[in-house]
C-alpha atoms as a PDB file:
ATOM      1  CA  UNK A   1      52.410 145.587 -51.838  1.00  0.00           C
ATOM      2  CA  UNK A   2      49.557 146.770 -53.484  1.00  0.00           C
ATOM      3  CA  UNK A   3      46.450 146.399 -51.671  1.00  0.00           C
ATOM      4  CA  UNK A   4      44.412 143.406 -53.484  1.00  0.00           C
ATOM      5  CA  UNK A   5      48.031 141.874 -52.782  1.00  0.00           C
ATOM      6  CA  UNK A   6      48.258 141.931 -48.769  1.00  0.00           C
ATOM      7  CA  UNK A   7      46.331 139.212 -46.955  1.00  0.00           C
ATOM      8  CA  UNK A   8      42.836 140.379 -45.701  1.00  0.00           C
ATOM      9  CA  UNK A   9      42.633 138.954 -42.272  1.00  0.00           C
ATOM     10  CA  UNK A  10      39.259 138.934 -39.506  1.00  0.00           C
ATOM     11  CA  UNK A  11      40.430 138.621 -35.934  1.00  0.00           C
ATOM     12  CA  UNK A  12      38.151 136.117 -33.858  1.00  0.00           C
ATOM     13  CA  UNK A  13      38.588 136.305 -30.218  1.00  0.00           C
ATOM     14  CA  UNK A  14      37.419 133.388 -28.026  1.00  0.00           C
ATOM     15  CA  UNK A  15      36.924 133.724 -24.144  1.00  0.00           C
ATOM     16  CA  UNK A  16      35.021 133.806 -21.352  1.00  0.00           C
ATOM     17  CA  UNK A  17      34.128 137.654 -21.192  1.00  0.00           C
ATOM     18  CA  UNK A  18      33.434 137.565 -17.960  1.00  0.00           C
ATOM     19  CA  UNK A  19      33.125 140.292 -17.837  1.00  0.00           C
ATOM     20  CA  UNK A  20      34.376 141.971 -21.202  1.00  0.00           C
ATOM     21  CA  UNK A  21      37.242 144.432 -19.764  1.00  0.00           C
ATOM     22  CA  UNK A  22      38.780 147.425 -21.881  1.00  0.00           C
ATOM     23  CA  UNK A  23      41.545 145.205 -21.895  1.00  0.00           C
ATOM     24  CA  UNK A  24      39.958 143.296 -24.896  1.00  0.00           C
ATOM     25  CA  UNK A  25      39.297 145.978 -26.836  1.00  0.00           C
ATOM     26  CA  UNK A  26      43.162 147.000 -26.808  1.00  0.00           C
ATOM     27  CA  UNK A  27      43.990 143.782 -27.412  1.00  0.00           C
ATOM     28  CA  UNK A  28      42.075 143.552 -30.644  1.00  0.00           C
ATOM     29  CA  UNK A  29      43.553 147.114 -31.403  1.00  0.00           C
ATOM     30  CA  UNK A  30      46.938 146.123 -30.911  1.00  0.00           C
ATOM     31  CA  UNK A  31      46.406 143.143 -32.683  1.00  0.00           C
ATOM     32  CA  UNK A  32      45.307 145.217 -35.608  1.00  0.00           C
ATOM     33  CA  UNK A  33      47.829 148.147 -35.706  1.00  0.00           C
ATOM     34  CA  UNK A  34      51.134 145.646 -35.856  1.00  0.00           C
ATOM     35  CA  UNK A  35      49.593 143.900 -38.762  1.00  0.00           C
ATOM     36  CA  UNK A  36      48.622 147.096 -40.401  1.00  0.00           C
ATOM     37  CA  UNK A  37      52.215 148.153 -39.861  1.00  0.00           C
ATOM     38  CA  UNK A  38      53.915 145.147 -41.411  1.00  0.00           C
ATOM     39  CA  UNK A  39      52.717 145.930 -44.281  1.00  0.00           C
ATOM     40  CA  UNK A  40      51.492 142.615 -45.101  1.00  0.00           C
ATOM     41  CA  UNK A  41      48.260 142.463 -44.036  1.00  0.00           C
ATOM     42  CA  UNK A  42      44.747 144.607 -44.022  1.00  0.00           C
ATOM     43  CA  UNK A  43      42.486 143.779 -40.990  1.00  0.00           C
ATOM     44  CA  UNK A  44      39.148 143.818 -42.136  1.00  0.00           C
ATOM     45  CA  UNK A  45      36.893 143.081 -39.089  1.00  0.00           C
ATOM     46  CA  UNK A  46      36.752 141.844 -35.859  1.00  0.00           C
ATOM     47  CA  UNK A  47      34.790 138.968 -33.336  1.00  0.00           C
ATOM     48  CA  UNK A  48      34.287 138.422 -30.356  1.00  0.00           C
ATOM     49  CA  UNK A  49      32.764 134.882 -29.382  1.00  0.00           C
ATOM     50  CA  UNK A  50      31.709 134.090 -26.280  1.00  0.00           C
ATOM     51  CA  UNK A  51      31.924 130.812 -24.935  1.00  0.00           C
ATOM     52  CA  UNK A  52      28.950 128.459 -24.078  1.00  0.00           C
ATOM     53  CA  UNK A  53      27.384 128.761 -20.671  1.00  0.00           C
ATOM     54  CA  UNK A  54      27.984 124.798 -20.104  1.00  0.00           C
ATOM     55  CA  UNK A  55      31.818 125.696 -20.337  1.00  0.00           C
ATOM     56  CA  UNK A  56      31.705 125.200 -16.135  1.00  0.00           C
ATOM     57  CA  UNK A  57      33.928 127.980 -14.865  1.00  0.00           C
ATOM     58  CA  UNK A  58      32.985 128.987 -11.855  1.00  0.00           C
ATOM     59  CA  UNK A  59      31.461 132.251 -11.226  1.00  0.00           C
ATOM     60  CA  UNK A  60      30.361 132.279 -15.160  1.00  0.00           C
ATOM     61  CA  UNK A  61      27.362 134.704 -15.761  1.00  0.00           C
ATOM     62  CA  UNK A  62      24.688 133.342 -18.149  1.00  0.00           C
ATOM     63  CA  UNK A  63      25.196 134.426 -21.041  1.00  0.00           C
ATOM     64  CA  UNK A  64      22.132 136.560 -22.537  1.00  0.00           C
ATOM     65  CA  UNK A  65      24.530 139.121 -19.751  1.00  0.00           C
ATOM     66  CA  UNK A  66      27.829 138.146 -21.877  1.00  0.00           C
ATOM     67  CA  UNK A  67      26.377 139.207 -25.199  1.00  0.00           C
ATOM     68  CA  UNK A  68      25.021 141.758 -24.325  1.00  0.00           C
ATOM     69  CA  UNK A  69      27.853 143.746 -21.893  1.00  0.00           C
ATOM     70  CA  UNK A  70      30.146 142.336 -25.145  1.00  0.00           C
ATOM     71  CA  UNK A  71      27.764 144.481 -27.620  1.00  0.00           C
ATOM     72  CA  UNK A  72      27.972 147.573 -24.795  1.00  0.00           C
ATOM     73  CA  UNK A  73      31.982 147.454 -24.842  1.00  0.00           C
ATOM     74  CA  UNK A  74      31.980 147.762 -28.966  1.00  0.00           C
ATOM     75  CA  UNK A  75      28.777 149.172 -29.457  1.00  0.00           C
ATOM     76  CA  UNK A  76      30.996 152.350 -30.181  1.00  0.00           C
ATOM     77  CA  UNK A  77      33.398 150.387 -33.048  1.00  0.00           C
ATOM     78  CA  UNK A  78      32.818 150.244 -36.732  1.00  0.00           C
ATOM     79  CA  UNK A  79      34.875 146.967 -37.527  1.00  0.00           C
ATOM     80  CA  UNK A  80      34.321 144.547 -34.263  1.00  0.00           C
ATOM     81  CA  UNK A  81      31.113 142.465 -33.965  1.00  0.00           C
ATOM     82  CA  UNK A  82      30.052 139.993 -31.469  1.00  0.00           C
ATOM     83  CA  UNK A  83      28.058 137.447 -32.572  1.00  0.00           C
ATOM     84  CA  UNK A  84      26.258 134.861 -30.125  1.00  0.00           C
ATOM     85  CA  UNK A  85      26.423 131.548 -32.738  1.00  0.00           C
ATOM     86  CA  UNK A  86      29.295 129.519 -29.985  1.00  0.00           C
ATOM     87  CA  UNK A  87      26.171 130.702 -26.930  1.00  0.00           C
ATOM     88  CA  UNK A  88      23.446 129.620 -29.191  1.00  0.00           C
ATOM     89  CA  UNK A  89      24.989 125.995 -29.676  1.00  0.00           C
ATOM     90  CA  UNK A  90      23.429 122.909 -27.292  1.00  0.00           C
ATOM     91  CA  UNK A  91      26.545 122.555 -25.444  1.00  0.00           C
ATOM     92  CA  UNK A  92      29.629 123.932 -25.507  1.00  0.00           C
ATOM     93  CA  UNK A  93      31.735 124.181 -28.668  1.00  0.00           C
ATOM     94  CA  UNK A  94      35.634 123.921 -28.957  1.00  0.00           C
ATOM     95  CA  UNK A  95      37.356 126.139 -30.153  1.00  0.00           C
ATOM     96  CA  UNK A  96      38.404 124.478 -33.046  1.00  0.00           C
ATOM     97  CA  UNK A  97      35.195 124.406 -33.971  1.00  0.00           C
ATOM     98  CA  UNK A  98      33.852 127.884 -33.499  1.00  0.00           C
ATOM     99  CA  UNK A  99      36.695 129.135 -36.082  1.00  0.00           C
ATOM    100  CA  UNK A 100      35.770 126.176 -38.548  1.00  0.00           C
ATOM    101  CA  UNK A 101      31.812 127.282 -37.982  1.00  0.00           C
ATOM    102  CA  UNK A 102      33.397 131.296 -39.073  1.00  0.00           C
ATOM    103  CA  UNK A 103      35.624 129.455 -42.049  1.00  0.00           C
ATOM    104  CA  UNK A 104      32.487 128.151 -43.404  1.00  0.00           C
ATOM    105  CA  UNK A 105      30.211 131.371 -42.816  1.00  0.00           C
ATOM    106  CA  UNK A 106      32.549 133.842 -44.324  1.00  0.00           C
ATOM    107  CA  UNK A 107      33.125 131.821 -47.422  1.00  0.00           C
ATOM    108  CA  UNK A 108      29.503 131.520 -47.768  1.00  0.00           C
ATOM    109  CA  UNK A 109      29.126 135.143 -47.393  1.00  0.00           C
ATOM    110  CA  UNK A 110      31.943 136.350 -48.943  1.00  0.00           C
ATOM    111  CA  UNK A 111      32.492 134.306 -51.979  1.00  0.00           C
ATOM    112  CA  UNK A 112      36.083 134.027 -50.729  1.00  0.00           C
ATOM    113  CA  UNK A 113      38.546 130.800 -50.759  1.00  0.00           C
ATOM    114  CA  UNK A 114      40.015 131.061 -47.284  1.00  0.00           C
ATOM    115  CA  UNK A 115      43.689 131.032 -47.810  1.00  0.00           C
ATOM    116  CA  UNK A 116      44.451 129.184 -45.186  1.00  0.00           C
ATOM    117  CA  UNK A 117      42.039 125.795 -45.200  1.00  0.00           C
ATOM    118  CA  UNK A 118      43.653 122.804 -45.556  1.00  0.00           C
ATOM    119  CA  UNK A 119      41.773 120.400 -44.182  1.00  0.00           C
ATOM    120  CA  UNK A 120      37.787 119.978 -44.293  1.00  0.00           C
ATOM    121  CA  UNK A 121      35.588 121.496 -41.811  1.00  0.00           C
ATOM    122  CA  UNK A 122      34.121 118.507 -39.890  1.00  0.00           C
ATOM    123  CA  UNK A 123      31.101 121.307 -38.595  1.00  0.00           C
ATOM    124  CA  UNK A 124      27.989 121.323 -40.719  1.00  0.00           C
ATOM    125  CA  UNK A 125      26.436 124.701 -41.921  1.00  0.00           C
ATOM    126  CA  UNK A 126      23.277 124.713 -39.941  1.00  0.00           C
ATOM    127  CA  UNK A 127      20.664 123.600 -42.728  1.00  0.00           C
ATOM    128  CA  UNK A 128      22.832 122.699 -45.516  1.00  0.00           C
ATOM    129  CA  UNK A 129      22.384 118.692 -46.091  1.00  0.00           C
ATOM    130  CA  UNK A 130      25.705 117.348 -44.779  1.00  0.00           C
ATOM    131  CA  UNK A 131      27.712 115.500 -47.833  1.00  0.00           C
ATOM    132  CA  UNK A 132      26.563 117.851 -50.000  1.00  0.00           C
ATOM    133  CA  UNK A 133      28.206 120.709 -52.238  1.00  0.00           C
ATOM    134  CA  UNK A 134      24.775 123.734 -52.743  1.00  0.00           C
ATOM    135  CA  UNK A 135      25.232 125.559 -55.247  1.00  0.00           C
ATOM    136  CA  UNK A 136      27.058 129.324 -54.172  1.00  0.00           C
ATOM    137  CA  UNK A 137      24.775 131.819 -53.360  1.00  0.00           C
ATOM    138  CA  UNK A 138      26.335 135.003 -54.231  1.00  0.00           C
ATOM    139  CA  UNK A 139      27.652 135.799 -57.284  1.00  0.00           C
ATOM    140  CA  UNK A 140      27.977 137.991 -60.019  1.00  0.00           C
ATOM    141  CA  UNK A 141      29.640 136.450 -63.351  1.00  0.00           C
ATOM    142  CA  UNK A 142      29.641 140.227 -64.957  1.00  0.00           C
ATOM    143  CA  UNK A 143      31.690 141.889 -61.593  1.00  0.00           C
ATOM    144  CA  UNK A 144      34.313 138.450 -61.938  1.00  0.00           C
ATOM    145  CA  UNK A 145      36.440 140.780 -63.336  1.00  0.00           C
ATOM    146  CA  UNK A 146      36.412 143.814 -60.684  1.00  0.00           C
ATOM    147  CA  UNK A 147      38.710 144.302 -58.505  1.00  0.00           C
ATOM    148  CA  UNK A 148      37.333 144.939 -54.636  1.00  0.00           C
ATOM    149  CA  UNK A 149      39.573 146.993 -52.255  1.00  0.00           C
ATOM    150  CA  UNK A 150      39.658 146.376 -48.389  1.00  0.00           C
ATOM    151  CA  UNK A 151      37.051 148.665 -48.208  1.00  0.00           C
ATOM    152  CA  UNK A 152      34.079 147.486 -50.513  1.00  0.00           C
ATOM    153  CA  UNK A 153      34.885 144.191 -49.177  1.00  0.00           C
ATOM    154  CA  UNK A 154      34.541 144.718 -45.373  1.00  0.00           C
ATOM    155  CA  UNK A 155      31.593 146.640 -46.233  1.00  0.00           C
ATOM    156  CA  UNK A 156      29.365 143.665 -48.118  1.00  0.00           C
ATOM    157  CA  UNK A 157      31.455 141.296 -45.180  1.00  0.00           C
ATOM    158  CA  UNK A 158      29.696 143.908 -42.437  1.00  0.00           C
ATOM    159  CA  UNK A 159      26.801 144.569 -44.528  1.00  0.00           C
ATOM    160  CA  UNK A 160      25.912 140.607 -45.011  1.00  0.00           C
ATOM    161  CA  UNK A 161      27.525 138.828 -41.355  1.00  0.00           C
ATOM    162  CA  UNK A 162      25.261 141.833 -40.146  1.00  0.00           C
ATOM    163  CA  UNK A 163      21.570 140.220 -41.606  1.00  0.00           C
ATOM    164  CA  UNK A 164      23.134 137.026 -40.310  1.00  0.00           C
ATOM    165  CA  UNK A 165      24.728 136.449 -37.538  1.00  0.00           C
ATOM    166  CA  UNK A 166      26.083 139.402 -35.372  1.00  0.00           C
ATOM    167  CA  UNK A 167      24.430 141.140 -32.633  1.00  0.00           C
ATOM    168  CA  UNK A 168      23.105 144.795 -33.000  1.00  0.00           C
ATOM    169  CA  UNK A 169      22.696 146.998 -29.886  1.00  0.00           C
ATOM    170  CA  UNK A 170      19.691 147.933 -28.327  1.00  0.00           C
ATOM    171  CA  UNK A 171      17.156 144.744 -28.789  1.00  0.00           C
ATOM    172  CA  UNK A 172      15.619 142.951 -26.223  1.00  0.00           C
ATOM    173  CA  UNK A 173      16.517 139.546 -27.384  1.00  0.00           C
ATOM    174  CA  UNK A 174      19.526 137.890 -29.461  1.00  0.00           C
ATOM    175  CA  UNK A 175      17.427 136.598 -32.836  1.00  0.00           C
ATOM    176  CA  UNK A 176      19.828 134.103 -34.558  1.00  0.00           C
ATOM    177  CA  UNK A 177      19.602 133.958 -38.467  1.00  0.00           C
ATOM    178  CA  UNK A 178      19.660 131.387 -40.589  1.00  0.00           C
ATOM    179  CA  UNK A 179      23.094 132.029 -42.701  1.00  0.00           C
ATOM    180  CA  UNK A 180      21.461 130.405 -45.587  1.00  0.00           C
ATOM    181  CA  UNK A 181      19.027 132.809 -45.952  1.00  0.00           C
ATOM    182  CA  UNK A 182      18.992 134.971 -49.451  1.00  0.00           C
ATOM    183  CA  UNK A 183      20.539 137.693 -48.811  1.00  0.00           C
ATOM    184  CA  UNK A 184      20.730 139.063 -52.623  1.00  0.00           C
ATOM    185  CA  UNK A 185      23.450 139.322 -55.240  1.00  0.00           C
ATOM    186  CA  UNK A 186      26.580 140.100 -54.342  1.00  0.00           C
ATOM    187  CA  UNK A 187      30.645 140.308 -55.712  1.00  0.00           C
ATOM    188  CA  UNK A 188      32.046 137.387 -55.347  1.00  0.00           C
ATOM    189  CA  UNK A 189      35.852 138.379 -54.164  1.00  0.00           C
ATOM    190  CA  UNK A 190      38.288 135.258 -55.338  1.00  0.00           C
ATOM    191  CA  UNK A 191      40.684 137.801 -56.106  1.00  0.00           C
ATOM    192  CA  UNK A 192      40.987 138.254 -52.702  1.00  0.00           C
ATOM    193  CA  UNK A 193      43.461 136.978 -50.076  1.00  0.00           C
ATOM    194  CA  UNK A 194      41.244 135.919 -46.534  1.00  0.00           C
ATOM    195  CA  UNK A 195      42.106 134.355 -43.402  1.00  0.00           C
ATOM    196  CA  UNK A 196      40.689 133.835 -39.917  1.00  0.00           C
ATOM    197  CA  UNK A 197      43.023 134.720 -37.094  1.00  0.00           C
ATOM    198  CA  UNK A 198      42.174 133.604 -34.016  1.00  0.00           C
ATOM    199  CA  UNK A 199      42.924 136.488 -31.982  1.00  0.00           C
ATOM    200  CA  UNK A 200      44.636 135.855 -28.008  1.00  0.00           C
ATOM    201  CA  UNK A 201      46.467 136.442 -25.028  1.00  0.00           C
ATOM    202  CA  UNK A 202      50.367 134.751 -23.963  1.00  0.00           C
ATOM    203  CA  UNK A 203      48.013 133.016 -21.410  1.00  0.00           C
ATOM    204  CA  UNK A 204      46.458 130.394 -23.882  1.00  0.00           C
ATOM    205  CA  UNK A 205      49.568 130.166 -26.081  1.00  0.00           C
ATOM    206  CA  UNK A 206      50.432 129.338 -22.353  1.00  0.00           C
ATOM    207  CA  UNK A 207      47.465 126.361 -21.919  1.00  0.00           C
ATOM    208  CA  UNK A 208      48.732 125.024 -25.464  1.00  0.00           C
ATOM    209  CA  UNK A 209      52.049 124.046 -23.463  1.00  0.00           C
ATOM    210  CA  UNK A 210      49.923 122.031 -20.470  1.00  0.00           C
ATOM    211  CA  UNK A 211      49.503 118.600 -21.534  1.00  0.00           C
ATOM    212  CA  UNK A 212      45.895 116.676 -21.914  1.00  0.00           C
ATOM    213  CA  UNK A 213      44.811 120.301 -22.069  1.00  0.00           C
ATOM    214  CA  UNK A 214      44.521 120.503 -25.377  1.00  0.00           C
ATOM    215  CA  UNK A 215      43.363 117.905 -28.060  1.00  0.00           C
ATOM    216  CA  UNK A 216      46.441 117.733 -30.230  1.00  0.00           C
ATOM    217  CA  UNK A 217      44.840 117.545 -33.408  1.00  0.00           C
ATOM    218  CA  UNK A 218      42.533 120.752 -32.629  1.00  0.00           C
ATOM    219  CA  UNK A 219      46.042 122.402 -32.126  1.00  0.00           C
ATOM    220  CA  UNK A 220      47.076 121.221 -35.559  1.00  0.00           C
ATOM    221  CA  UNK A 221      44.164 122.733 -36.585  1.00  0.00           C
ATOM    222  CA  UNK A 222      44.099 126.140 -34.881  1.00  0.00           C
ATOM    223  CA  UNK A 223      47.819 126.712 -35.053  1.00  0.00           C
ATOM    224  CA  UNK A 224      48.292 124.656 -38.522  1.00  0.00           C
ATOM    225  CA  UNK A 225      45.324 125.922 -40.609  1.00  0.00           C
ATOM    226  CA  UNK A 226      44.245 128.822 -39.546  1.00  0.00           C
ATOM    227  CA  UNK A 227      47.405 130.454 -37.611  1.00  0.00           C
ATOM    228  CA  UNK A 228      47.374 132.450 -34.597  1.00  0.00           C
ATOM    229  CA  UNK A 229      48.097 136.061 -33.179  1.00  0.00           C
ATOM    230  CA  UNK A 230      49.535 136.909 -29.891  1.00  0.00           C
ATOM    231  CA  UNK A 231      49.132 140.363 -27.390  1.00  0.00           C
ATOM    232  CA  UNK A 232      51.138 139.498 -24.925  1.00  0.00           C
ATOM    233  CA  UNK A 233      49.668 140.315 -21.163  1.00  0.00           C
ATOM    234  CA  UNK A 234      52.160 140.750 -17.969  1.00  0.00           C
ATOM    235  CA  UNK A 235      55.668 140.613 -19.885  1.00  0.00           C
ATOM    236  CA  UNK A 236      55.018 137.273 -21.074  1.00  0.00           C
ATOM    237  CA  UNK A 237      57.736 135.812 -22.497  1.00  0.00           C
ATOM    238  CA  UNK A 238      55.943 134.260 -25.542  1.00  0.00           C
ATOM    239  CA  UNK A 239      59.361 132.817 -26.741  1.00  0.00           C
ATOM    240  CA  UNK A 240      60.023 130.831 -23.765  1.00  0.00           C
ATOM    241  CA  UNK A 241      56.451 129.878 -24.349  1.00  0.00           C
ATOM    242  CA  UNK A 242      56.716 128.592 -27.541  1.00  0.00           C
ATOM    243  CA  UNK A 243      59.974 127.027 -27.401  1.00  0.00           C
ATOM    244  CA  UNK A 244      58.090 124.707 -23.982  1.00  0.00           C
ATOM    245  CA  UNK A 245      55.797 122.633 -27.546  1.00  0.00           C
ATOM    246  CA  UNK A 246      56.815 121.150 -30.783  1.00  0.00           C
ATOM    247  CA  UNK A 247      53.912 121.662 -32.399  1.00  0.00           C
ATOM    248  CA  UNK A 248      54.157 125.381 -31.865  1.00  0.00           C
ATOM    249  CA  UNK A 249      57.579 125.513 -33.137  1.00  0.00           C
ATOM    250  CA  UNK A 250      56.584 123.479 -35.763  1.00  0.00           C
ATOM    251  CA  UNK A 251      53.756 126.133 -37.365  1.00  0.00           C
ATOM    252  CA  UNK A 252      56.096 129.314 -35.420  1.00  0.00           C
ATOM    253  CA  UNK A 253      55.431 130.879 -38.680  1.00  0.00           C
ATOM    254  CA  UNK A 254      51.990 131.165 -38.028  1.00  0.00           C
ATOM    255  CA  UNK A 255      51.986 133.028 -35.392  1.00  0.00           C
ATOM    256  CA  UNK A 256      52.415 136.473 -35.242  1.00  0.00           C
ATOM    257  CA  UNK A 257      53.109 137.835 -31.720  1.00  0.00           C
ATOM    258  CA  UNK A 258      52.053 141.769 -31.669  1.00  0.00           C
ATOM    259  CA  UNK A 259      55.325 143.227 -29.871  1.00  0.00           C
ATOM    260  CA  UNK A 260      55.456 146.597 -27.788  1.00  0.00           C
ATOM    261  CA  UNK A 261      58.277 148.191 -27.094  1.00  0.00           C
ATOM    262  CA  UNK A 262      56.048 150.353 -24.604  1.00  0.00           C
ATOM    263  CA  UNK A 263      54.590 147.326 -21.748  1.00  0.00           C
ATOM    264  CA  UNK A 264      50.486 149.021 -21.962  1.00  0.00           C
ATOM    265  CA  UNK A 265      48.927 149.526 -18.799  1.00  0.00           C
ATOM    266  CA  UNK A 266      45.407 148.207 -20.657  1.00  0.00           C
ATOM    267  CA  UNK A 267      47.727 144.832 -21.421  1.00  0.00           C
ATOM    268  CA  UNK A 268      47.340 143.521 -17.228  1.00  0.00           C
ATOM    269  CA  UNK A 269      43.650 144.554 -17.284  1.00  0.00           C
ATOM    270  CA  UNK A 270      41.388 141.066 -16.642  1.00  0.00           C
ATOM    271  CA  UNK A 271      38.255 140.012 -16.267  1.00  0.00           C
ATOM    272  CA  UNK A 272      39.279 138.340 -12.748  1.00  0.00           C
ATOM    273  CA  UNK A 273      40.789 142.010 -11.505  1.00  0.00           C
ATOM    274  CA  UNK A 274      38.088 143.889 -13.180  1.00  0.00           C
ATOM    275  CA  UNK A 275      35.076 140.922 -10.898  1.00  0.00           C
ATOM    276  CA  UNK A 276      37.796 141.525  -7.811  1.00  0.00           C
ATOM    277  CA  UNK A 277      36.983 145.222  -8.098  1.00  0.00           C
ATOM    278  CA  UNK A 278      33.531 145.011  -8.850  1.00  0.00           C
ATOM    279  CA  UNK A 279      32.893 142.805  -5.455  1.00  0.00           C
ATOM    280  CA  UNK A 280      35.154 145.522  -3.473  1.00  0.00           C
ATOM    281  CA  UNK A 281      33.770 148.655  -4.518  1.00  0.00           C
ATOM    282  CA  UNK A 282      36.804 149.410  -5.676  1.00  0.00           C
ATOM    283  CA  UNK A 283      37.008 153.233  -7.703  1.00  0.00           C
ATOM    284  CA  UNK A 284      39.697 151.562 -10.070  1.00  0.00           C
ATOM    285  CA  UNK A 285      36.834 149.442 -11.759  1.00  0.00           C
ATOM    286  CA  UNK A 286      36.725 152.528 -14.347  1.00  0.00           C
ATOM    287  CA  UNK A 287      40.236 151.869 -15.407  1.00  0.00           C
ATOM    288  CA  UNK A 288      39.182 148.240 -15.954  1.00  0.00           C
ATOM    289  CA  UNK A 289      35.372 148.628 -18.039  1.00  0.00           C
ATOM    290  CA  UNK A 290      34.022 150.796 -20.331  1.00  0.00           C
ATOM    291  CA  UNK A 291      30.876 152.663 -18.639  1.00  0.00           C
ATOM    292  CA  UNK A 292      28.586 151.208 -19.649  1.00  0.00           C
ATOM    293  CA  UNK A 293      29.352 147.976 -19.215  1.00  0.00           C
ATOM    294  CA  UNK A 294      30.262 148.851 -15.566  1.00  0.00           C
ATOM    295  CA  UNK A 295      25.762 150.440 -15.465  1.00  0.00           C
ATOM    296  CA  UNK A 296      24.587 146.930 -17.152  1.00  0.00           C
ATOM    297  CA  UNK A 297      26.689 145.115 -14.938  1.00  0.00           C
ATOM    298  CA  UNK A 298      24.916 147.031 -11.728  1.00  0.00           C
ATOM    299  CA  UNK A 299      21.200 147.108 -12.743  1.00  0.00           C
ATOM    300  CA  UNK A 300      21.601 143.785 -13.206  1.00  0.00           C
ATOM    301  CA  UNK A 301      23.007 143.193 -10.408  1.00  0.00           C
ATOM    302  CA  UNK A 302      25.793 141.291 -11.250  1.00  0.00           C
ATOM    303  CA  UNK A 303      29.330 140.022  -9.397  1.00  0.00           C
ATOM    304  CA  UNK A 304      28.124 140.962  -6.055  1.00  0.00           C
ATOM    305  CA  UNK A 305      29.257 137.619  -4.290  1.00  0.00           C
ATOM    306  CA  UNK A 306      32.085 136.407  -3.791  1.00  0.00           C
ATOM    307  CA  UNK A 307      32.485 133.113  -5.827  1.00  0.00           C
ATOM    308  CA  UNK A 308      34.808 132.878  -9.621  1.00  0.00           C
END
């Protein structure tokens, strides 16, 4: 397949990131490597979206700390970004709403027609009059026949996302900028097939099988409209998990399981283990967390008590 014929993918990971671990970053890297090797996908970016403070999970530290730790963890990455939108809302957002927000935002930033959109979003873009179709703000009719490369596409997406919603290092406060702001004239990329896929561990996949935990309608959108990429943890049997859910079986073709012949040590790293290591002064914490994250935790006196 030529580069333009491959599906261009942005990986989105939602979660507490309490704290973000080397395992989280490893999940992004393994997923990208696996998708590239399949020959059908080009991963042009990754987005980390920490959960809102009102999620109610015991021991969840304030989002300002989690956002900062996430930014420190990816400060050397040229393709993974931290997005504060979810944290900045008035209350907790469903995973489905977060995916829909980024779908709508990506359509405005890139001009792409996202290939996995089968239903209209119920999440209005901030500042956009509801029930009205805004005129496209990014178009250049003279360049419509140009065939952009993945590098050019990610360069433009990266540039514009940096102006719109992504957190930059070394700042005292996270500033949210209206995504409807006029960022100038850029090329439209309708010829590129672009998808936003939810990136998760097998524990989230397993949670889909717990009765009443997820709305069926949300699961339909997440798996059916968007699709997910699963990086198994602790040798989990993803095939067995999927067989327990009729919905997962129905949309099996939309679920990509990252297979790894060798069990990587990062697959057993978790935020829970990291917090316990911090609480007990366990030196193995350096194997779980990046040093800038450890330094920030110690400086801010996070996870000192034994709750959560």
